[in-house]
Amino acid sequence: MSLPLHALHAFEASARHLSFTCAGLELNVTQAAVSARVKNLEALLRVLLFRRLARSCIDGRAVPAAVRPPETVAAVPARLTRPWRQSP
C-alpha cells in the first residue's frame, strides 16, 4: 500500500501541534486542506487517527502513543505495511 506523502505530512504536523489550524500554517495550506488530508489517510488506513472537537484543538488523547514524539512518525508507515503475523 502506498500512502500519500502530503497526507502523512499533514498527520505528523497535526499530531505535533494538536491543531489542524497550526498544522496548516506550518504546511502553508488551509485548515480545511489539512483536515481533508488527514481524513483521506484515515480512510486509506481504515482507522480513526484523531478525535475532532468542535471549534477547538484535536483531542490529544486520541493521538496514538506511538506517534506522540515526532521522531517516531517516520517509523509508522513501515509498521503499517509490514505483514501481520498471528500468534500461535
C-alpha atoms as a PDB file:
ATOM      1  CA  MET A   1       0.000   0.000   0.000  1.00  0.00           C
ATOM      2  CA  SER A   2       1.328   3.405  -0.945  1.00  0.00           C
ATOM      3  CA  LEU A   3       0.397   6.261   1.389  1.00  0.00           C
ATOM      4  CA  PRO A   4       0.208   9.834   0.023  1.00  0.00           C
ATOM      5  CA  LEU A   5       3.125  11.855   1.345  1.00  0.00           C
ATOM      6  CA  HIS A   6       1.071  15.046   1.720  1.00  0.00           C
ATOM      7  CA  ALA A   7      -1.372  13.173   3.964  1.00  0.00           C
ATOM      8  CA  LEU A   8       1.469  11.845   6.133  1.00  0.00           C
ATOM      9  CA  HIS A   9       2.911  15.365   6.443  1.00  0.00           C
ATOM     10  CA  ALA A  10      -0.498  16.694   7.463  1.00  0.00           C
ATOM     11  CA  PHE A  11      -0.908  13.921  10.030  1.00  0.00           C
ATOM     12  CA  GLU A  12       2.568  14.447  11.508  1.00  0.00           C
ATOM     13  CA  ALA A  13       2.141  18.223  11.829  1.00  0.00           C
ATOM     14  CA  SER A  14      -1.356  17.819  13.284  1.00  0.00           C
ATOM     15  CA  ALA A  15      -0.114  15.297  15.846  1.00  0.00           C
ATOM     16  CA  ARG A  16       2.717  17.611  16.867  1.00  0.00           C
ATOM     17  CA  HIS A  17       0.588  20.748  17.150  1.00  0.00           C
ATOM     18  CA  LEU A  18      -2.703  19.059  18.176  1.00  0.00           C
ATOM     19  CA  SER A  19      -4.322  21.543  15.817  1.00  0.00           C
ATOM     20  CA  PHE A  20      -5.279  21.416  12.139  1.00  0.00           C
ATOM     21  CA  THR A  21      -5.026  25.215  12.001  1.00  0.00           C
ATOM     22  CA  CYS A  22      -1.445  25.298  13.317  1.00  0.00           C
ATOM     23  CA  ALA A  23      -0.506  22.393  11.063  1.00  0.00           C
ATOM     24  CA  GLY A  24      -1.944  24.303   8.105  1.00  0.00           C
ATOM     25  CA  LEU A  25       0.113  27.372   8.952  1.00  0.00           C
ATOM     26  CA  GLU A  26       3.253  25.250   9.084  1.00  0.00           C
ATOM     27  CA  LEU A  27       2.465  23.490   5.788  1.00  0.00           C
ATOM     28  CA  ASN A  28       1.200  26.673   4.062  1.00  0.00           C
ATOM     29  CA  VAL A  29      -2.250  25.211   3.410  1.00  0.00           C
ATOM     30  CA  THR A  30      -5.666  25.865   4.928  1.00  0.00           C
ATOM     31  CA  GLN A  31      -7.051  24.156   7.992  1.00  0.00           C
ATOM     32  CA  ALA A  32      -9.657  22.538   5.743  1.00  0.00           C
ATOM     33  CA  ALA A  33      -6.918  21.097   3.498  1.00  0.00           C
ATOM     34  CA  VAL A  34      -5.129  19.575   6.491  1.00  0.00           C
ATOM     35  CA  SER A  35      -8.377  18.092   7.774  1.00  0.00           C
ATOM     36  CA  ALA A  36      -9.185  16.634   4.355  1.00  0.00           C
ATOM     37  CA  ARG A  37      -5.707  15.118   4.025  1.00  0.00           C
ATOM     38  CA  VAL A  38      -5.947  13.501   7.451  1.00  0.00           C
ATOM     39  CA  LYS A  39      -9.448  12.196   6.653  1.00  0.00           C
ATOM     40  CA  ASN A  40      -8.065  10.728   3.420  1.00  0.00           C
ATOM     41  CA  LEU A  41      -5.303   8.985   5.389  1.00  0.00           C
ATOM     42  CA  GLU A  42      -7.847   7.698   7.921  1.00  0.00           C
ATOM     43  CA  ALA A  43      -9.942   6.291   5.074  1.00  0.00           C
ATOM     44  CA  LEU A  44      -6.941   4.579   3.483  1.00  0.00           C
ATOM     45  CA  LEU A  45      -5.839   3.061   6.801  1.00  0.00           C
ATOM     46  CA  ARG A  46      -9.407   2.399   7.979  1.00  0.00           C
ATOM     47  CA  VAL A  47      -8.582   3.790  11.405  1.00  0.00           C
ATOM     48  CA  LEU A  48      -9.585   6.951  13.276  1.00  0.00           C
ATOM     49  CA  LEU A  49      -6.357   8.866  13.933  1.00  0.00           C
ATOM     50  CA  PHE A  50      -7.849  11.873  15.739  1.00  0.00           C
ATOM     51  CA  ARG A  51     -10.933  12.653  17.738  1.00  0.00           C
ATOM     52  CA  ARG A  52     -12.084  16.013  16.427  1.00  0.00           C
ATOM     53  CA  LEU A  53     -13.553  18.575  18.808  1.00  0.00           C
ATOM     54  CA  ALA A  54     -15.908  21.326  17.660  1.00  0.00           C
ATOM     55  CA  ARG A  55     -14.218  24.749  17.487  1.00  0.00           C
ATOM     56  CA  SER A  56     -11.198  23.502  19.360  1.00  0.00           C
ATOM     57  CA  CYS A  57      -7.921  21.687  19.002  1.00  0.00           C
ATOM     58  CA  ILE A  58      -7.687  17.998  18.324  1.00  0.00           C
ATOM     59  CA  ASP A  59      -8.138  15.878  21.422  1.00  0.00           C
ATOM     60  CA  GLY A  60      -4.575  14.717  22.081  1.00  0.00           C
ATOM     61  CA  ARG A  61      -5.751  11.630  23.955  1.00  0.00           C
ATOM     62  CA  ALA A  62      -6.803  10.189  20.601  1.00  0.00           C
ATOM     63  CA  VAL A  63      -3.316  10.545  19.110  1.00  0.00           C
ATOM     64  CA  PRO A  64      -1.706   7.098  19.104  1.00  0.00           C
ATOM     65  CA  ALA A  65       1.054   6.860  21.705  1.00  0.00           C
ATOM     66  CA  ALA A  66       3.470   5.625  19.032  1.00  0.00           C
ATOM     67  CA  VAL A  67       3.345   8.968  17.215  1.00  0.00           C
ATOM     68  CA  ARG A  68       3.276  11.434  20.098  1.00  0.00           C
ATOM     69  CA  PRO A  69       7.042  12.016  19.869  1.00  0.00           C
ATOM     70  CA  PRO A  70       7.666  13.443  16.350  1.00  0.00           C
ATOM     71  CA  GLU A  71      10.787  11.292  15.898  1.00  0.00           C
ATOM     72  CA  THR A  72       8.694   8.118  15.711  1.00  0.00           C
ATOM     73  CA  VAL A  73       6.392   9.291  12.903  1.00  0.00           C
ATOM     74  CA  ALA A  74       8.834   8.110  10.210  1.00  0.00           C
ATOM     75  CA  ALA A  75       8.530   4.542  11.526  1.00  0.00           C
ATOM     76  CA  VAL A  76       4.718   4.433  11.276  1.00  0.00           C
ATOM     77  CA  PRO A  77       4.420   3.634   7.523  1.00  0.00           C
ATOM     78  CA  ALA A  78       6.884   0.739   7.856  1.00  0.00           C
ATOM     79  CA  ARG A  79       4.885  -0.756  10.727  1.00  0.00           C
ATOM     80  CA  LEU A  80       1.605  -0.308   8.866  1.00  0.00           C
ATOM     81  CA  THR A  81       2.815  -2.022   5.695  1.00  0.00           C
ATOM     82  CA  ARG A  82       4.531  -4.934   7.450  1.00  0.00           C
ATOM     83  CA  PRO A  83       2.650  -8.228   7.101  1.00  0.00           C
ATOM     84  CA  TRP A  84       0.575  -9.066  10.128  1.00  0.00           C
ATOM     85  CA  ARG A  85       1.536 -12.301  11.867  1.00  0.00           C
ATOM     86  CA  GLN A  86      -0.864 -14.188  14.060  1.00  0.00           C
ATOM     87  CA  SER A  87       0.478 -15.521  17.343  1.00  0.00           C
ATOM     88  CA  PRO A  88       0.296 -19.325  17.773  1.00  0.00           C
END
